[in-house]
Amino acid sequence: MNRELICRLIRQVDSQRIRDNLFYLSKDPLPYRKLNYTSAGHEKCSLYEADDFLEEQLTSFGYRFEREAVAVQAVRCDPSKPKAHQYSPPLPEDPWYTAFNLYARKTGCASPEEIIVVVSHKDSQSWVDSPGANDNAVGTVGNLEIARLLAEVPTKRSFCFLFCNEEHSPWTSVAAANNAKERGDNIVAVFNLDGLGAKSREDQDAGRKTHVTAFSMPEGERLACMVGEVNDRYSIGLEHSPYQRPHPNDDDGSFVKAGYPAAVLMIGSFPYADPNYHCETDTPEYTDLQNVTMSVQLGLASALTVDEAGAP
């Protein structure tokens, strides 16, 4: 895949489509995306409705679509903790639900045995009524946009677009990663899209367009450095920073722990500085749409760079 084609695909990232999907998943018609909330007059919980929306979109793009069931519980709320950290583990007697990992897959034409995973958690917080716009409807719609743009593009390597759940217990990315390892999947890179463009109030007011690529392993560090190089090569314009975490975490960490060390978290700030984090005020009106669009462009170009040259 040549540089000219990557530039063309970057320009095709559709900010209006991203905005429309963001508002759909975090305001109207879906105020939340969780298993323990069903809108009045609706038959399905809001997370199942989000799953149906994503399936409809991905199948319309022509992807081979799969659902993987995982048993989870809603997380409890502990109001004695600070607002952003009021989550508490569920009790054994709390209700169990069936959550679904959603997969959209395409097969590579040159090295199909090598797989690039783009993952995002699609659920909002199960312990509080938060729309979860920045956490993580932005990553969900970003993943969806990358999948749309790559649907008809011949790629050397295979792609797996994974939409998982991180705001219920346990994280369903753990099942996805462990099952991939059991199958013997040769995953060469994992890009976790979470909280794209979300940053501090000061950075928001200053108009900064921030992006952090966090990693925990040497293979992830090489991937994070490549992301920074891609940001410069294609003049995307983000203020990019790599960040080393002391241990694997988040949905990329699920893959690291399963034996896939070339995994990174792509996020707006780290440590996470969004003032609406895990709050009822995490609404799409506060999302920096331009920053999200630029971060999606960077994720797209980075994934295509790995597809062209292999993992760094």
C-alpha atoms as a PDB file:
ATOM      1  CA  MET A   1       0.000   0.000   0.000  1.00  0.00           C
ATOM      2  CA  ASN A   2       1.606   3.240  -1.089  1.00  0.00           C
ATOM      3  CA  ARG A   3       1.760   6.533   0.751  1.00  0.00           C
ATOM      4  CA  GLU A   4      -0.617   8.198  -1.686  1.00  0.00           C
ATOM      5  CA  LEU A   5      -3.361   5.673  -0.916  1.00  0.00           C
ATOM      6  CA  ILE A   6      -2.901   6.106   2.836  1.00  0.00           C
ATOM      7  CA  CYS A   7      -3.148   9.889   2.403  1.00  0.00           C
ATOM      8  CA  ARG A   8      -6.354   9.460   0.417  1.00  0.00           C
ATOM      9  CA  LEU A   9      -7.894   7.222   3.093  1.00  0.00           C
ATOM     10  CA  ILE A  10      -6.916   9.683   5.825  1.00  0.00           C
ATOM     11  CA  ARG A  11      -8.780  12.423   3.975  1.00  0.00           C
ATOM     12  CA  GLN A  12     -11.861  10.196   3.772  1.00  0.00           C
ATOM     13  CA  VAL A  13     -12.277  10.031   7.564  1.00  0.00           C
ATOM     14  CA  ASP A  14     -15.737  11.557   7.917  1.00  0.00           C
ATOM     15  CA  SER A  15     -16.113  13.821  10.951  1.00  0.00           C
ATOM     16  CA  GLN A  16     -19.863  14.216  10.367  1.00  0.00           C
ATOM     17  CA  ARG A  17     -20.357  10.447  10.350  1.00  0.00           C
ATOM     18  CA  ILE A  18     -18.270  10.205  13.530  1.00  0.00           C
ATOM     19  CA  ARG A  19     -20.416  12.901  15.148  1.00  0.00           C
ATOM     20  CA  ASP A  20     -23.695  11.292  14.085  1.00  0.00           C
ATOM     21  CA  ASN A  21     -22.647   7.885  15.418  1.00  0.00           C
ATOM     22  CA  LEU A  22     -21.318   9.442  18.633  1.00  0.00           C
ATOM     23  CA  PHE A  23     -24.631  11.170  19.364  1.00  0.00           C
ATOM     24  CA  TYR A  24     -26.559   8.018  18.429  1.00  0.00           C
ATOM     25  CA  LEU A  25     -24.625   5.913  20.951  1.00  0.00           C
ATOM     26  CA  SER A  26     -24.390   8.416  23.801  1.00  0.00           C
ATOM     27  CA  LYS A  27     -27.457  10.639  23.577  1.00  0.00           C
ATOM     28  CA  ASP A  28     -30.302   9.849  21.180  1.00  0.00           C
ATOM     29  CA  PRO A  29     -31.678   7.240  20.852  1.00  0.00           C
ATOM     30  CA  LEU A  30     -29.287   5.543  23.306  1.00  0.00           C
ATOM     31  CA  PRO A  31     -28.646   7.477  26.537  1.00  0.00           C
ATOM     32  CA  TYR A  32     -26.419   4.669  27.879  1.00  0.00           C
ATOM     33  CA  ARG A  33     -24.924   1.370  26.757  1.00  0.00           C
ATOM     34  CA  LYS A  34     -25.285  -1.026  29.654  1.00  0.00           C
ATOM     35  CA  LEU A  35     -26.913  -4.327  30.460  1.00  0.00           C
ATOM     36  CA  ASN A  36     -28.792  -3.081  33.521  1.00  0.00           C
ATOM     37  CA  TYR A  37     -30.712  -0.300  31.762  1.00  0.00           C
ATOM     38  CA  THR A  38     -33.628  -0.600  29.338  1.00  0.00           C
ATOM     39  CA  SER A  39     -35.343   2.502  27.966  1.00  0.00           C
ATOM     40  CA  ALA A  40     -39.051   2.836  28.679  1.00  0.00           C
ATOM     41  CA  GLY A  41     -41.092   0.932  26.116  1.00  0.00           C
ATOM     42  CA  HIS A  42     -38.074  -0.918  24.719  1.00  0.00           C
ATOM     43  CA  GLU A  43     -37.660  -4.692  24.705  1.00  0.00           C
ATOM     44  CA  LYS A  44     -33.865  -4.808  24.767  1.00  0.00           C
ATOM     45  CA  CYS A  45     -31.358  -3.312  27.194  1.00  0.00           C
ATOM     46  CA  SER A  46     -29.392  -0.342  25.898  1.00  0.00           C
ATOM     47  CA  LEU A  47     -26.170  -2.338  25.385  1.00  0.00           C
ATOM     48  CA  TYR A  48     -27.969  -4.879  23.206  1.00  0.00           C
ATOM     49  CA  GLU A  49     -29.416  -2.010  21.190  1.00  0.00           C
ATOM     50  CA  ALA A  50     -25.898  -0.649  20.702  1.00  0.00           C
ATOM     51  CA  ASP A  51     -24.749  -4.119  19.641  1.00  0.00           C
ATOM     52  CA  ASP A  52     -27.540  -4.286  17.062  1.00  0.00           C
ATOM     53  CA  PHE A  53     -26.565  -0.874  15.688  1.00  0.00           C
ATOM     54  CA  LEU A  54     -22.923  -1.917  15.334  1.00  0.00           C
ATOM     55  CA  GLU A  55     -23.857  -5.217  13.701  1.00  0.00           C
ATOM     56  CA  GLU A  56     -26.077  -3.423  11.188  1.00  0.00           C
ATOM     57  CA  GLN A  57     -23.282  -1.000  10.312  1.00  0.00           C
ATOM     58  CA  LEU A  58     -20.522  -3.588  10.043  1.00  0.00           C
ATOM     59  CA  THR A  59     -22.524  -6.057   7.984  1.00  0.00           C
ATOM     60  CA  SER A  60     -23.546  -3.232   5.643  1.00  0.00           C
ATOM     61  CA  PHE A  61     -19.820  -2.643   5.040  1.00  0.00           C
ATOM     62  CA  GLY A  62     -19.525  -6.303   3.984  1.00  0.00           C
ATOM     63  CA  TYR A  63     -17.684  -7.740   6.984  1.00  0.00           C
ATOM     64  CA  ARG A  64     -17.857 -11.284   8.268  1.00  0.00           C
ATOM     65  CA  PHE A  65     -19.529 -10.646  11.619  1.00  0.00           C
ATOM     66  CA  GLU A  66     -19.477 -12.746  14.790  1.00  0.00           C
ATOM     67  CA  ARG A  67     -20.841 -12.468  18.323  1.00  0.00           C
ATOM     68  CA  GLU A  68     -19.117 -14.113  21.281  1.00  0.00           C
ATOM     69  CA  ALA A  69     -21.108 -14.510  24.497  1.00  0.00           C
ATOM     70  CA  VAL A  70     -19.444 -13.767  27.851  1.00  0.00           C
ATOM     71  CA  ALA A  71     -21.110 -13.918  31.280  1.00  0.00           C
ATOM     72  CA  VAL A  72     -20.720 -10.647  33.215  1.00  0.00           C
ATOM     73  CA  GLN A  73     -22.193  -8.703  36.119  1.00  0.00           C
ATOM     74  CA  ALA A  74     -22.926  -5.019  36.581  1.00  0.00           C
ATOM     75  CA  VAL A  75     -20.381  -3.199  38.713  1.00  0.00           C
ATOM     76  CA  ARG A  76     -21.576  -1.865  42.074  1.00  0.00           C
ATOM     77  CA  CYS A  77     -21.479   1.807  43.056  1.00  0.00           C
ATOM     78  CA  ASP A  78     -19.673   2.892  46.217  1.00  0.00           C
ATOM     79  CA  PRO A  79     -20.663   6.545  46.876  1.00  0.00           C
ATOM     80  CA  SER A  80     -18.061   6.833  49.652  1.00  0.00           C
ATOM     81  CA  LYS A  81     -15.317   6.960  46.989  1.00  0.00           C
ATOM     82  CA  PRO A  82     -14.355   9.977  44.859  1.00  0.00           C
ATOM     83  CA  LYS A  83     -16.798  10.556  42.021  1.00  0.00           C
ATOM     84  CA  ALA A  84     -14.678   9.138  39.179  1.00  0.00           C
ATOM     85  CA  HIS A  85     -13.792   6.000  41.128  1.00  0.00           C
ATOM     86  CA  GLN A  86     -17.046   4.893  42.720  1.00  0.00           C
ATOM     87  CA  TYR A  87     -16.988   1.482  41.054  1.00  0.00           C
ATOM     88  CA  SER A  88     -16.901  -1.530  43.341  1.00  0.00           C
ATOM     89  CA  PRO A  89     -16.756  -5.258  42.534  1.00  0.00           C
ATOM     90  CA  PRO A  90     -20.105  -7.038  42.203  1.00  0.00           C
ATOM     91  CA  LEU A  91     -21.157  -9.573  44.801  1.00  0.00           C
ATOM     92  CA  PRO A  92     -21.576 -13.249  43.871  1.00  0.00           C
ATOM     93  CA  GLU A  93     -25.335 -13.031  44.344  1.00  0.00           C
ATOM     94  CA  ASP A  94     -25.716 -10.057  41.974  1.00  0.00           C
ATOM     95  CA  PRO A  95     -27.475 -10.802  38.666  1.00  0.00           C
ATOM     96  CA  TRP A  96     -25.512 -12.248  35.781  1.00  0.00           C
ATOM     97  CA  TYR A  97     -25.983 -11.096  32.205  1.00  0.00           C
ATOM     98  CA  THR A  98     -24.804 -12.232  28.798  1.00  0.00           C
ATOM     99  CA  ALA A  99     -22.558  -9.658  27.154  1.00  0.00           C
ATOM    100  CA  PHE A 100     -21.176  -9.998  23.645  1.00  0.00           C
ATOM    101  CA  ASN A 101     -17.841  -9.392  22.034  1.00  0.00           C
ATOM    102  CA  LEU A 102     -18.514  -8.249  18.473  1.00  0.00           C
ATOM    103  CA  TYR A 103     -16.048  -9.142  15.720  1.00  0.00           C
ATOM    104  CA  ALA A 104     -15.784  -7.850  12.156  1.00  0.00           C
ATOM    105  CA  ARG A 105     -13.080  -9.667  10.208  1.00  0.00           C
ATOM    106  CA  LYS A 106     -11.385  -9.331   6.847  1.00  0.00           C
ATOM    107  CA  THR A 107      -8.767 -11.652   5.385  1.00  0.00           C
ATOM    108  CA  GLY A 108      -5.441 -10.384   4.097  1.00  0.00           C
ATOM    109  CA  CYS A 109      -4.324 -11.166   0.583  1.00  0.00           C
ATOM    110  CA  ALA A 110      -0.565 -11.673   1.140  1.00  0.00           C
ATOM    111  CA  SER A 111       0.010 -12.683   4.784  1.00  0.00           C
ATOM    112  CA  PRO A 112      -3.476 -13.639   6.008  1.00  0.00           C
ATOM    113  CA  GLU A 113      -2.091 -15.560   8.983  1.00  0.00           C
ATOM    114  CA  GLU A 114      -0.893 -12.269  10.524  1.00  0.00           C
ATOM    115  CA  ILE A 115      -3.674 -10.342  12.254  1.00  0.00           C
ATOM    116  CA  ILE A 116      -3.974  -6.670  13.211  1.00  0.00           C
ATOM    117  CA  VAL A 117      -6.548  -6.059  15.957  1.00  0.00           C
ATOM    118  CA  VAL A 118      -8.330  -2.740  16.471  1.00  0.00           C
ATOM    119  CA  VAL A 119     -10.269  -2.907  19.735  1.00  0.00           C
ATOM    120  CA  SER A 120     -12.574  -0.563  21.623  1.00  0.00           C
ATOM    121  CA  HIS A 121     -14.951  -1.083  24.521  1.00  0.00           C
ATOM    122  CA  LYS A 122     -18.499  -0.179  23.536  1.00  0.00           C
ATOM    123  CA  ASP A 123     -20.257  -0.207  26.913  1.00  0.00           C
ATOM    124  CA  SER A 124     -20.806   2.720  29.256  1.00  0.00           C
ATOM    125  CA  GLN A 125     -20.472   2.519  33.038  1.00  0.00           C
ATOM    126  CA  SER A 126     -22.794  -0.049  34.625  1.00  0.00           C
ATOM    127  CA  TRP A 127     -22.672   1.561  38.109  1.00  0.00           C
ATOM    128  CA  VAL A 128     -23.675   5.120  37.155  1.00  0.00           C
ATOM    129  CA  ASP A 129     -25.980   6.702  34.580  1.00  0.00           C
ATOM    130  CA  SER A 130     -23.226   8.130  32.412  1.00  0.00           C
ATOM    131  CA  PRO A 131     -23.649   8.504  28.639  1.00  0.00           C
ATOM    132  CA  GLY A 132     -19.990   7.535  28.316  1.00  0.00           C
ATOM    133  CA  ALA A 133     -19.357   9.767  25.296  1.00  0.00           C
ATOM    134  CA  ASN A 134     -15.610  10.086  25.860  1.00  0.00           C
ATOM    135  CA  ASP A 135     -15.469   6.736  27.667  1.00  0.00           C
ATOM    136  CA  ASN A 136     -15.886   5.142  25.235  1.00  0.00           C
ATOM    137  CA  ALA A 137     -18.356   6.006  22.527  1.00  0.00           C
ATOM    138  CA  VAL A 138     -15.531   7.963  20.853  1.00  0.00           C
ATOM    139  CA  GLY A 139     -13.359   4.867  20.554  1.00  0.00           C
ATOM    140  CA  THR A 140     -16.322   2.806  19.394  1.00  0.00           C
ATOM    141  CA  VAL A 141     -17.228   5.191  16.568  1.00  0.00           C
ATOM    142  CA  GLY A 142     -13.546   5.598  15.715  1.00  0.00           C
ATOM    143  CA  ASN A 143     -13.172   1.842  15.377  1.00  0.00           C
ATOM    144  CA  LEU A 144     -16.325   1.756  13.264  1.00  0.00           C
ATOM    145  CA  GLU A 145     -14.994   4.498  10.976  1.00  0.00           C
ATOM    146  CA  ILE A 146     -11.668   2.711  10.435  1.00  0.00           C
ATOM    147  CA  ALA A 147     -13.569  -0.491   9.648  1.00  0.00           C
ATOM    148  CA  ARG A 148     -15.722   1.395   7.132  1.00  0.00           C
ATOM    149  CA  LEU A 149     -12.737   2.831   5.310  1.00  0.00           C
ATOM    150  CA  LEU A 150     -10.857  -0.474   5.145  1.00  0.00           C
ATOM    151  CA  ALA A 151     -13.844  -2.601   4.134  1.00  0.00           C
ATOM    152  CA  GLU A 152     -13.034  -2.589   0.417  1.00  0.00           C
ATOM    153  CA  VAL A 153      -9.295  -1.925   0.620  1.00  0.00           C
ATOM    154  CA  PRO A 154      -7.115  -4.968  -0.147  1.00  0.00           C
ATOM    155  CA  THR A 155      -4.753  -5.418   2.800  1.00  0.00           C
ATOM    156  CA  LYS A 156      -1.729  -7.669   3.078  1.00  0.00           C
ATOM    157  CA  ARG A 157      -2.583  -8.822   6.567  1.00  0.00           C
ATOM    158  CA  SER A 158      -5.888  -9.794   8.124  1.00  0.00           C
ATOM    159  CA  PHE A 159      -7.817  -7.303  10.249  1.00  0.00           C
ATOM    160  CA  CYS A 160     -10.020  -7.967  13.264  1.00  0.00           C
ATOM    161  CA  PHE A 161     -12.203  -5.128  14.531  1.00  0.00           C
ATOM    162  CA  LEU A 162     -13.242  -6.028  18.078  1.00  0.00           C
ATOM    163  CA  PHE A 163     -15.939  -4.247  20.080  1.00  0.00           C
ATOM    164  CA  CYS A 164     -15.774  -5.469  23.692  1.00  0.00           C
ATOM    165  CA  ASN A 165     -17.067  -4.454  27.154  1.00  0.00           C
ATOM    166  CA  GLU A 166     -14.924  -2.963  29.942  1.00  0.00           C
ATOM    167  CA  GLU A 167     -17.469  -1.301  32.241  1.00  0.00           C
ATOM    168  CA  HIS A 168     -19.008  -4.582  33.424  1.00  0.00           C
ATOM    169  CA  SER A 169     -17.226  -7.375  35.272  1.00  0.00           C
ATOM    170  CA  PRO A 170     -15.180  -9.195  34.030  1.00  0.00           C
ATOM    171  CA  TRP A 171     -13.787  -7.330  31.024  1.00  0.00           C
ATOM    172  CA  THR A 172     -14.819  -9.257  27.948  1.00  0.00           C
ATOM    173  CA  SER A 173     -11.529  -8.431  26.185  1.00  0.00           C
ATOM    174  CA  VAL A 174      -9.958 -11.011  28.504  1.00  0.00           C
ATOM    175  CA  ALA A 175     -12.096 -13.735  26.928  1.00  0.00           C
ATOM    176  CA  ALA A 176     -11.333 -12.383  23.446  1.00  0.00           C
ATOM    177  CA  ALA A 177      -7.570 -12.387  24.027  1.00  0.00           C
ATOM    178  CA  ASN A 178      -7.465 -15.782  25.744  1.00  0.00           C
ATOM    179  CA  ASN A 179      -9.617 -17.370  23.059  1.00  0.00           C
ATOM    180  CA  ALA A 180      -7.357 -15.921  20.371  1.00  0.00           C
ATOM    181  CA  LYS A 181      -4.355 -17.464  22.112  1.00  0.00           C
ATOM    182  CA  GLU A 182      -6.059 -20.828  22.400  1.00  0.00           C
ATOM    183  CA  ARG A 183      -6.837 -20.762  18.670  1.00  0.00           C
ATOM    184  CA  GLY A 184      -3.222 -19.930  17.922  1.00  0.00           C
ATOM    185  CA  ASP A 185      -4.039 -16.581  16.295  1.00  0.00           C
ATOM    186  CA  ASN A 186      -0.909 -14.780  15.125  1.00  0.00           C
ATOM    187  CA  ILE A 187      -1.739 -11.247  16.286  1.00  0.00           C
ATOM    188  CA  VAL A 188       1.078  -8.903  15.264  1.00  0.00           C
ATOM    189  CA  ALA A 189      -0.341  -5.618  16.605  1.00  0.00           C
ATOM    190  CA  VAL A 190      -3.178  -4.436  18.839  1.00  0.00           C
ATOM    191  CA  PHE A 191      -4.488  -0.856  18.765  1.00  0.00           C
ATOM    192  CA  ASN A 192      -6.855  -0.068  21.647  1.00  0.00           C
ATOM    193  CA  LEU A 193      -8.971   3.032  20.962  1.00  0.00           C
ATOM    194  CA  ASP A 194     -10.244   4.501  24.234  1.00  0.00           C
ATOM    195  CA  GLY A 195     -11.031   8.090  25.211  1.00  0.00           C
ATOM    196  CA  LEU A 196      -9.808   9.600  21.941  1.00  0.00           C
ATOM    197  CA  GLY A 197      -9.374  13.346  22.292  1.00  0.00           C
ATOM    198  CA  ALA A 198     -10.376  13.413  25.966  1.00  0.00           C
ATOM    199  CA  LYS A 199      -8.148  15.711  28.009  1.00  0.00           C
ATOM    200  CA  SER A 200      -8.034  18.264  30.806  1.00  0.00           C
ATOM    201  CA  ARG A 201     -10.246  21.332  30.878  1.00  0.00           C
ATOM    202  CA  GLU A 202      -7.126  23.475  30.487  1.00  0.00           C
ATOM    203  CA  ASP A 203      -6.017  21.657  27.338  1.00  0.00           C
ATOM    204  CA  GLN A 204      -9.572  21.760  25.998  1.00  0.00           C
ATOM    205  CA  ASP A 205      -9.837  25.519  26.563  1.00  0.00           C
ATOM    206  CA  ALA A 206      -6.418  26.043  24.965  1.00  0.00           C
ATOM    207  CA  GLY A 207      -7.510  24.168  21.843  1.00  0.00           C
ATOM    208  CA  ARG A 208      -4.764  21.567  22.111  1.00  0.00           C
ATOM    209  CA  LYS A 209      -5.173  18.440  20.008  1.00  0.00           C
ATOM    210  CA  THR A 210      -3.601  15.758  22.167  1.00  0.00           C
ATOM    211  CA  HIS A 211      -2.904  12.080  21.703  1.00  0.00           C
ATOM    212  CA  VAL A 212      -1.066   9.624  23.941  1.00  0.00           C
ATOM    213  CA  THR A 213       0.083   6.168  22.865  1.00  0.00           C
ATOM    214  CA  ALA A 214       0.626   4.139  26.027  1.00  0.00           C
ATOM    215  CA  PHE A 215       2.516   0.855  26.164  1.00  0.00           C
ATOM    216  CA  SER A 216       3.814  -1.610  28.721  1.00  0.00           C
ATOM    217  CA  MET A 217       6.207  -3.920  26.806  1.00  0.00           C
ATOM    218  CA  PRO A 218       9.221  -3.313  24.524  1.00  0.00           C
ATOM    219  CA  GLU A 219       7.179  -4.460  21.527  1.00  0.00           C
ATOM    220  CA  GLY A 220       4.525  -1.934  22.485  1.00  0.00           C
ATOM    221  CA  GLU A 221       7.149   0.783  22.828  1.00  0.00           C
ATOM    222  CA  ARG A 222       8.309   0.183  19.261  1.00  0.00           C
ATOM    223  CA  LEU A 223       4.684   0.378  18.136  1.00  0.00           C
ATOM    224  CA  ALA A 224       4.163   3.640  20.082  1.00  0.00           C
ATOM    225  CA  CYS A 225       7.263   5.178  18.493  1.00  0.00           C
ATOM    226  CA  MET A 226       5.960   4.159  15.074  1.00  0.00           C
ATOM    227  CA  VAL A 227       2.636   5.895  15.847  1.00  0.00           C
ATOM    228  CA  GLY A 228       4.549   9.102  16.586  1.00  0.00           C
ATOM    229  CA  GLU A 229       6.454   8.773  13.311  1.00  0.00           C
ATOM    230  CA  VAL A 230       3.192   8.237  11.412  1.00  0.00           C
ATOM    231  CA  ASN A 231       1.728  11.388  12.991  1.00  0.00           C
ATOM    232  CA  ASP A 232       4.688  13.349  11.582  1.00  0.00           C
ATOM    233  CA  ARG A 233       4.913  11.538   8.242  1.00  0.00           C
ATOM    234  CA  TYR A 234       1.308  12.262   7.331  1.00  0.00           C
ATOM    235  CA  SER A 235       1.166  15.708   8.970  1.00  0.00           C
ATOM    236  CA  ILE A 236      -1.849  14.756  11.067  1.00  0.00           C
ATOM    237  CA  GLY A 237      -0.998  17.520  13.538  1.00  0.00           C
ATOM    238  CA  LEU A 238      -1.615  15.897  16.900  1.00  0.00           C
ATOM    239  CA  GLU A 239       0.524  16.643  19.959  1.00  0.00           C
ATOM    240  CA  HIS A 240       1.661  13.047  20.290  1.00  0.00           C
ATOM    241  CA  SER A 241       3.296  11.605  23.404  1.00  0.00           C
ATOM    242  CA  PRO A 242       4.355   8.023  24.120  1.00  0.00           C
ATOM    243  CA  TYR A 243       3.787   6.865  27.678  1.00  0.00           C
ATOM    244  CA  GLN A 244       5.195   3.800  29.429  1.00  0.00           C
ATOM    245  CA  ARG A 245       2.912   2.162  31.949  1.00  0.00           C
ATOM    246  CA  PRO A 246       4.363   0.055  34.772  1.00  0.00           C
ATOM    247  CA  HIS A 247       2.152  -2.942  33.951  1.00  0.00           C
ATOM    248  CA  PRO A 248      -0.390  -3.992  31.309  1.00  0.00           C
ATOM    249  CA  ASN A 249      -3.892  -2.626  31.762  1.00  0.00           C
ATOM    250  CA  ASP A 250      -7.096  -1.830  29.865  1.00  0.00           C
ATOM    251  CA  ASP A 251      -8.181  -3.851  26.849  1.00  0.00           C
ATOM    252  CA  ASP A 252      -4.720  -3.752  25.270  1.00  0.00           C
ATOM    253  CA  GLY A 253      -3.423  -5.197  28.547  1.00  0.00           C
ATOM    254  CA  SER A 254      -5.763  -8.167  28.150  1.00  0.00           C
ATOM    255  CA  PHE A 255      -3.891  -9.052  24.967  1.00  0.00           C
ATOM    256  CA  VAL A 256      -0.475  -8.451  26.524  1.00  0.00           C
ATOM    257  CA  LYS A 257      -1.340 -10.817  29.377  1.00  0.00           C
ATOM    258  CA  ALA A 258      -2.514 -13.426  26.864  1.00  0.00           C
ATOM    259  CA  GLY A 259       0.879 -13.340  25.132  1.00  0.00           C
ATOM    260  CA  TYR A 260       0.539 -10.555  22.553  1.00  0.00           C
ATOM    261  CA  PRO A 261       3.034  -7.878  23.672  1.00  0.00           C
ATOM    262  CA  ALA A 262       2.769  -5.570  20.623  1.00  0.00           C
ATOM    263  CA  ALA A 263      -0.244  -3.744  22.032  1.00  0.00           C
ATOM    264  CA  VAL A 264      -0.861  -0.060  22.698  1.00  0.00           C
ATOM    265  CA  LEU A 265      -3.545   2.200  24.126  1.00  0.00           C
ATOM    266  CA  MET A 266      -4.461   5.203  21.964  1.00  0.00           C
ATOM    267  CA  ILE A 267      -6.076   7.850  24.183  1.00  0.00           C
ATOM    268  CA  GLY A 268      -6.414  11.609  24.531  1.00  0.00           C
ATOM    269  CA  SER A 269      -4.472  11.964  27.769  1.00  0.00           C
ATOM    270  CA  PHE A 270      -2.628   9.746  30.217  1.00  0.00           C
ATOM    271  CA  PRO A 271      -3.014   9.827  33.146  1.00  0.00           C
ATOM    272  CA  TYR A 272      -6.576  10.358  32.009  1.00  0.00           C
ATOM    273  CA  ALA A 273      -7.540  14.000  32.590  1.00  0.00           C
ATOM    274  CA  ASP A 274     -11.131  14.282  31.344  1.00  0.00           C
ATOM    275  CA  PRO A 275     -13.067  16.145  34.109  1.00  0.00           C
ATOM    276  CA  ASN A 276     -16.231  14.215  33.168  1.00  0.00           C
ATOM    277  CA  TYR A 277     -14.609  10.795  33.578  1.00  0.00           C
ATOM    278  CA  HIS A 278     -17.144   8.239  34.881  1.00  0.00           C
ATOM    279  CA  CYS A 279     -19.672  11.001  35.532  1.00  0.00           C
ATOM    280  CA  GLU A 280     -23.202  11.726  34.376  1.00  0.00           C
ATOM    281  CA  THR A 281     -21.755  14.753  32.554  1.00  0.00           C
ATOM    282  CA  ASP A 282     -19.747  12.655  30.056  1.00  0.00           C
ATOM    283  CA  THR A 283     -21.989  13.801  27.204  1.00  0.00           C
ATOM    284  CA  PRO A 284     -21.158  14.199  23.498  1.00  0.00           C
ATOM    285  CA  GLU A 285     -21.489  17.987  23.651  1.00  0.00           C
ATOM    286  CA  TYR A 286     -18.184  18.062  25.572  1.00  0.00           C
ATOM    287  CA  THR A 287     -16.329  15.909  23.038  1.00  0.00           C
ATOM    288  CA  ASP A 288     -13.601  17.567  20.975  1.00  0.00           C
ATOM    289  CA  LEU A 289     -14.791  16.207  17.634  1.00  0.00           C
ATOM    290  CA  GLN A 290     -11.839  17.603  15.681  1.00  0.00           C
ATOM    291  CA  ASN A 291      -9.410  15.915  18.061  1.00  0.00           C
ATOM    292  CA  VAL A 292     -11.323  12.636  17.757  1.00  0.00           C
ATOM    293  CA  THR A 293     -11.247  12.851  13.959  1.00  0.00           C
ATOM    294  CA  MET A 294      -7.494  13.467  13.953  1.00  0.00           C
ATOM    295  CA  SER A 295      -6.936  10.551  16.334  1.00  0.00           C
ATOM    296  CA  VAL A 296      -8.993   8.279  14.073  1.00  0.00           C
ATOM    297  CA  GLN A 297      -6.828   9.389  11.150  1.00  0.00           C
ATOM    298  CA  LEU A 298      -3.751   8.494  13.167  1.00  0.00           C
ATOM    299  CA  GLY A 299      -5.148   5.098  14.149  1.00  0.00           C
ATOM    300  CA  LEU A 300      -6.042   4.352  10.532  1.00  0.00           C
ATOM    301  CA  ALA A 301      -2.625   5.380   9.200  1.00  0.00           C
ATOM    302  CA  SER A 302      -0.827   3.456  11.950  1.00  0.00           C
ATOM    303  CA  ALA A 303      -2.748   0.250  11.291  1.00  0.00           C
ATOM    304  CA  LEU A 304      -2.069   0.570   7.551  1.00  0.00           C
ATOM    305  CA  THR A 305       1.625   1.150   8.226  1.00  0.00           C
ATOM    306  CA  VAL A 306       1.808  -2.115  10.151  1.00  0.00           C
ATOM    307  CA  ASP A 307      -0.125  -3.802   7.369  1.00  0.00           C
ATOM    308  CA  GLU A 308       2.395  -2.559   4.800  1.00  0.00           C
ATOM    309  CA  ALA A 309       5.642  -3.181   6.662  1.00  0.00           C
ATOM    310  CA  GLY A 310       4.810  -5.498   9.552  1.00  0.00           C
ATOM    311  CA  ALA A 311       5.110  -4.771  13.246  1.00  0.00           C
ATOM    312  CA  PRO A 312       8.123  -2.571  14.062  1.00  0.00           C
END
